[in-house]
Amino acid sequence: MNADILKGNWKQVKGKIKEKWGKLTDDDLDVIEGKRDQLIGKIQERYGLSKDEIEKQLDDFDRRAA
């Protein structure tokens, strides 16, 4: 997911991100505010996935959301 697009559409994307990664809280998402690196870190923290796996999931998520 392109960082600029993520940040620009954060309010619209936020709900979809919460649907996919439900362990992320509203507070997590408020702090992240569309910052891709922080989103990846928080998903790693909550789910224990590798950065590469999260990058793949975000790219797939972006394609489906487009």
N, C-alpha and C. Protein backbone atom coordinates (compact mmCIF):
# COMPACT_ATOMS: atom_id res chain seq x y z
N MET A 1 0.85 -1.17 0.00
CA MET A 1 0.00 0.00 0.00
C MET A 1 0.89 1.23 0.00
N ASN A 2 0.64 2.12 -0.91
CA ASN A 2 1.42 3.34 -1.03
C ASN A 2 1.20 4.21 0.21
N ALA A 3 2.31 4.65 0.80
CA ALA A 3 2.24 5.42 2.05
C ALA A 3 1.44 6.70 1.90
N ASP A 4 1.60 7.40 0.76
CA ASP A 4 0.87 8.65 0.55
C ASP A 4 -0.63 8.41 0.44
N ILE A 5 -1.00 7.35 -0.26
CA ILE A 5 -2.42 7.00 -0.41
C ILE A 5 -2.99 6.60 0.94
N LEU A 6 -2.24 5.80 1.68
CA LEU A 6 -2.69 5.36 2.99
C LEU A 6 -2.96 6.56 3.89
N LYS A 7 -2.02 7.49 3.93
CA LYS A 7 -2.17 8.65 4.79
C LYS A 7 -3.32 9.55 4.32
N GLY A 8 -3.44 9.73 3.00
CA GLY A 8 -4.48 10.60 2.46
C GLY A 8 -5.89 10.07 2.65
N ASN A 9 -6.04 8.77 2.65
CA ASN A 9 -7.36 8.15 2.77
C ASN A 9 -7.55 7.45 4.11
N TRP A 10 -6.80 7.87 5.10
CA TRP A 10 -6.77 7.16 6.37
C TRP A 10 -8.15 6.96 6.98
N LYS A 11 -8.97 7.98 6.98
CA LYS A 11 -10.28 7.86 7.62
C LYS A 11 -11.14 6.81 6.93
N GLN A 12 -11.05 6.72 5.61
CA GLN A 12 -11.83 5.74 4.87
C GLN A 12 -11.26 4.33 5.04
N VAL A 13 -9.94 4.23 5.09
CA VAL A 13 -9.27 2.94 5.13
C VAL A 13 -9.26 2.35 6.54
N LYS A 14 -9.33 3.20 7.53
CA LYS A 14 -9.22 2.80 8.93
C LYS A 14 -10.20 1.67 9.30
N GLY A 15 -11.43 1.81 8.91
CA GLY A 15 -12.44 0.80 9.23
C GLY A 15 -12.14 -0.53 8.56
N LYS A 16 -11.68 -0.48 7.32
CA LYS A 16 -11.34 -1.71 6.60
C LYS A 16 -10.12 -2.39 7.22
N ILE A 17 -9.18 -1.59 7.69
CA ILE A 17 -8.00 -2.15 8.35
C ILE A 17 -8.43 -2.85 9.63
N LYS A 18 -9.33 -2.24 10.36
CA LYS A 18 -9.80 -2.84 11.61
C LYS A 18 -10.56 -4.14 11.35
N GLU A 19 -11.27 -4.22 10.23
CA GLU A 19 -11.96 -5.46 9.87
C GLU A 19 -10.96 -6.58 9.62
N LYS A 20 -9.88 -6.27 8.90
CA LYS A 20 -8.88 -7.27 8.55
C LYS A 20 -8.01 -7.64 9.73
N TRP A 21 -7.54 -6.65 10.47
CA TRP A 21 -6.66 -6.87 11.61
C TRP A 21 -7.39 -6.41 12.87
N GLY A 22 -8.34 -7.20 13.30
CA GLY A 22 -9.24 -6.84 14.40
C GLY A 22 -8.58 -6.67 15.75
N LYS A 23 -7.34 -7.15 15.90
CA LYS A 23 -6.66 -6.98 17.18
C LYS A 23 -6.13 -5.56 17.35
N LEU A 24 -6.16 -4.76 16.28
CA LEU A 24 -5.75 -3.37 16.38
C LEU A 24 -6.89 -2.57 17.00
N THR A 25 -6.58 -1.77 17.98
CA THR A 25 -7.61 -0.99 18.66
C THR A 25 -7.80 0.36 17.98
N ASP A 26 -8.88 1.04 18.33
CA ASP A 26 -9.10 2.40 17.83
C ASP A 26 -7.94 3.31 18.25
N ASP A 27 -7.46 3.12 19.47
CA ASP A 27 -6.32 3.92 19.93
C ASP A 27 -5.08 3.66 19.09
N ASP A 28 -4.84 2.39 18.76
CA ASP A 28 -3.71 2.05 17.88
C ASP A 28 -3.83 2.82 16.57
N LEU A 29 -4.99 2.75 15.98
CA LEU A 29 -5.21 3.37 14.67
C LEU A 29 -5.14 4.89 14.74
N ASP A 30 -5.58 5.47 15.86
CA ASP A 30 -5.47 6.92 16.02
C ASP A 30 -4.01 7.35 16.10
N VAL A 31 -3.19 6.57 16.77
CA VAL A 31 -1.76 6.89 16.89
C VAL A 31 -1.06 6.69 15.55
N ILE A 32 -1.42 5.65 14.82
CA ILE A 32 -0.78 5.33 13.53
C ILE A 32 -1.03 6.44 12.51
N GLU A 33 -2.24 6.96 12.46
CA GLU A 33 -2.64 8.05 11.57
C GLU A 33 -2.14 7.90 10.14
N GLY A 34 -2.20 6.70 9.61
CA GLY A 34 -1.85 6.49 8.20
C GLY A 34 -0.38 6.26 7.93
N LYS A 35 0.43 6.17 8.96
CA LYS A 35 1.87 5.95 8.77
C LYS A 35 2.13 4.46 8.58
N ARG A 36 2.53 4.09 7.38
CA ARG A 36 2.71 2.69 7.00
C ARG A 36 3.67 1.95 7.93
N ASP A 37 4.81 2.56 8.26
CA ASP A 37 5.78 1.88 9.10
C ASP A 37 5.23 1.60 10.49
N GLN A 38 4.44 2.53 11.02
CA GLN A 38 3.84 2.31 12.33
C GLN A 38 2.74 1.25 12.25
N LEU A 39 2.01 1.22 11.15
CA LEU A 39 0.99 0.19 10.95
C LEU A 39 1.64 -1.19 10.92
N ILE A 40 2.73 -1.30 10.18
CA ILE A 40 3.44 -2.58 10.10
C ILE A 40 3.93 -3.00 11.48
N GLY A 41 4.52 -2.08 12.22
CA GLY A 41 5.01 -2.39 13.56
C GLY A 41 3.91 -2.85 14.49
N LYS A 42 2.76 -2.20 14.42
CA LYS A 42 1.65 -2.56 15.30
C LYS A 42 1.07 -3.92 14.93
N ILE A 43 0.99 -4.21 13.63
CA ILE A 43 0.51 -5.53 13.20
C ILE A 43 1.49 -6.60 13.65
N GLN A 44 2.80 -6.32 13.54
CA GLN A 44 3.81 -7.27 14.02
C GLN A 44 3.63 -7.53 15.51
N GLU A 45 3.42 -6.48 16.26
CA GLU A 45 3.25 -6.58 17.71
C GLU A 45 2.03 -7.42 18.07
N ARG A 46 0.92 -7.18 17.40
CA ARG A 46 -0.33 -7.86 17.75
C ARG A 46 -0.41 -9.29 17.20
N TYR A 47 0.18 -9.53 16.02
CA TYR A 47 0.00 -10.81 15.34
C TYR A 47 1.26 -11.66 15.25
N GLY A 48 2.42 -11.09 15.54
CA GLY A 48 3.67 -11.85 15.49
C GLY A 48 4.09 -12.26 14.08
N LEU A 49 3.67 -11.51 13.08
CA LEU A 49 4.02 -11.81 11.69
C LEU A 49 5.31 -11.12 11.31
N SER A 50 5.98 -11.64 10.29
CA SER A 50 7.20 -11.00 9.78
C SER A 50 6.83 -9.75 9.00
N LYS A 51 7.79 -8.85 8.88
CA LYS A 51 7.57 -7.62 8.11
C LYS A 51 7.23 -7.96 6.67
N ASP A 52 7.92 -8.96 6.08
CA ASP A 52 7.65 -9.35 4.70
C ASP A 52 6.22 -9.84 4.53
N GLU A 53 5.75 -10.64 5.47
CA GLU A 53 4.38 -11.16 5.39
C GLU A 53 3.37 -10.02 5.49
N ILE A 54 3.62 -9.08 6.38
CA ILE A 54 2.70 -7.94 6.53
C ILE A 54 2.71 -7.10 5.26
N GLU A 55 3.89 -6.88 4.67
CA GLU A 55 3.98 -6.13 3.42
C GLU A 55 3.14 -6.80 2.34
N LYS A 56 3.22 -8.12 2.25
CA LYS A 56 2.41 -8.85 1.26
C LYS A 56 0.93 -8.67 1.54
N GLN A 57 0.55 -8.79 2.81
CA GLN A 57 -0.86 -8.63 3.17
C GLN A 57 -1.36 -7.22 2.88
N LEU A 58 -0.53 -6.21 3.15
CA LEU A 58 -0.92 -4.83 2.87
C LEU A 58 -1.06 -4.59 1.37
N ASP A 59 -0.15 -5.16 0.58
CA ASP A 59 -0.25 -5.01 -0.87
C ASP A 59 -1.53 -5.67 -1.39
N ASP A 60 -1.85 -6.85 -0.86
CA ASP A 60 -3.08 -7.55 -1.26
C ASP A 60 -4.31 -6.74 -0.80
N PHE A 61 -4.25 -6.22 0.39
CA PHE A 61 -5.32 -5.40 0.93
C PHE A 61 -5.55 -4.17 0.05
N ASP A 62 -4.45 -3.55 -0.39
CA ASP A 62 -4.54 -2.38 -1.24
C ASP A 62 -5.19 -2.71 -2.58
N ARG A 63 -4.81 -3.82 -3.16
CA ARG A 63 -5.40 -4.22 -4.45
C ARG A 63 -6.90 -4.47 -4.31
N ARG A 64 -7.29 -5.09 -3.24
CA ARG A 64 -8.72 -5.40 -3.03
C ARG A 64 -9.53 -4.15 -2.70
N ALA A 65 -8.90 -3.21 -2.01
CA ALA A 65 -9.61 -2.00 -1.59
C ALA A 65 -9.73 -0.99 -2.73
N ALA A 66 -8.88 -1.13 -3.75
CA ALA A 66 -8.88 -0.15 -4.86
C ALA A 66 -10.10 -0.26 -5.72
